Amino acid sequence: MKNARCMLLSRLLSLACVAIPGLVHAQPVPPTVATLPASAVAGTSATLNGTVNPSDHPTFGFFQWGTTTNYGNATPAQSLGSGGSNTNFSRAVGGLLGGVTYHFRAVASNSFHVVAGTNQSFTTPVFSDLNFGYLTKLRFDNIGNSVDVAALLNHSKYINDQPDFKSLRTDFSANDGEECNNCGYVVRGLFIPTASGPHMFYIAADDGGVLFLSTDESPANKVQIAREPVWATRRNYIGEAEGGGRGTPPANRSVPINLTAGARYYIEGVVKEATGGDNLDVAVQGPGDATVADGDRPIFGNRIAIATRVDLSGGYALDFDGFDDRVQAGTSLFFNVTNNFTIELWVNPTGWRTNTVEATNGISAIAGHRYAVFPDHGYDSYYGMDPTGAMDHVGAGLSIGTNGISVVEHGYGYLPTLLVCLNP
């Protein structure tokens, strides 16, 4: 009888535990998660998006991503709180390849559950709108003898984007030697980090200069991040400058700026020159880079780029209006080229060029030509590099019109059209 009473009491307590609130804990509800379409998809970067309802428990969210549905990559976890409603979250990823399809999904986790959303995908565009390894150089002449960079920034030529000279540079520098007095330079384009994390930029300029960086690829969002207060010699990034004024911490060095790999950031260096030496050089130390040292080459390679005017519907890569347009590669790229070489390009000429006869001497290819490749003067271009043999150097050019093509050679004392092909 005693055992029966104990069993009955145990049964009643069990029923009471079910009936009385608070005597048992409800099973935790898992978070809900949904993967949203990617945004800001560019050639090397994209932003992954998702939404999570934490279901009243502390929850973290992250993304898995890769070129297949096996993913293989995961973003850092983000705290999404412990609320009971949907919370959107995003994460930018960089280092992507152009023209590749990527898969991703949002994932939510708490102490009890890990829940994955459905798969989404996006395809990065091919970088048809960028030329890597180049920045645009602008030179503004006859703007006064001030050494203050504000004299250029406040000048109508700068404000209205009306340079006297425009070309391309293959690194973040304004020139390779002294070029002008009472002038100013701007070197601008896009900075594209190869790794995510803090970046410190250094500027060396003569005379006063400033360095701007945008939060994105728009010049409208640029802010000053470093300046050269007085002047410094070429590629003198570290310590006090010859002109002084950098101070502590040095004004010519930016604070660490967190940037995303593959994203595009508009960047612009500006310098005002009075007389004497004139230079502008910008270096950077990003994640994994060696410490910047005096004499380091300015930023170059796949971390700089310019946007190209592209009309893919018409099939054009570059569109020249015929007024002071050029793409300048630099003489050092072709120094001492001998024997045969090939220049390949597709051109749609829109006007006539002067017809000349084939010759191996004389000067005939001057007026009326439409140069797709300009025949630089070999002697003038290479004298500083090879003074003893400069007379042996020539510049090759192509004059292209609707009425035919001429191949031109420009050397010491002659500028003939070696080959002529006339359209019927």
Foldseek 3Di string as FASTA:
>chain_A
DVVVVVVVVVVVVVVVCVVDPPSDDDDQDQKDKAWDAWPPFAQWKIKTKMKIFLSQAWKWKKKAKDLDPVRPDIDDIDTPGRHGDIDMDMDMAGRHHAQGKMKMWMWMDGPPDIDIHDIDIDHHHHPLFKDAQKWKKFKAPQQDQDQDLVSVVPDPCNVVVPGPAMEMDRFQKRDDWADDAQMKMKIKAKFADQAWDWKKKFKAWPAKKWKWKAPAQDPVRIDTFAIHHGHADPQAGDDAGPRGDLDVVGRRMGDTDTDHHGTIMIMMMMGGHHDDITMMAMAMDDPPRDDRDRPDHGGGGRRGIHTADDDVVVPDSHDDPPPNDDYDDAPVVCPPDDDDDDDDDDDDADADADDDDADDWAADPDPRFAWPFDWDEQLVRCCVPCVVCSQVGWGWTWTDHPFWIFIWIHYVHGIGGNDIDGDD
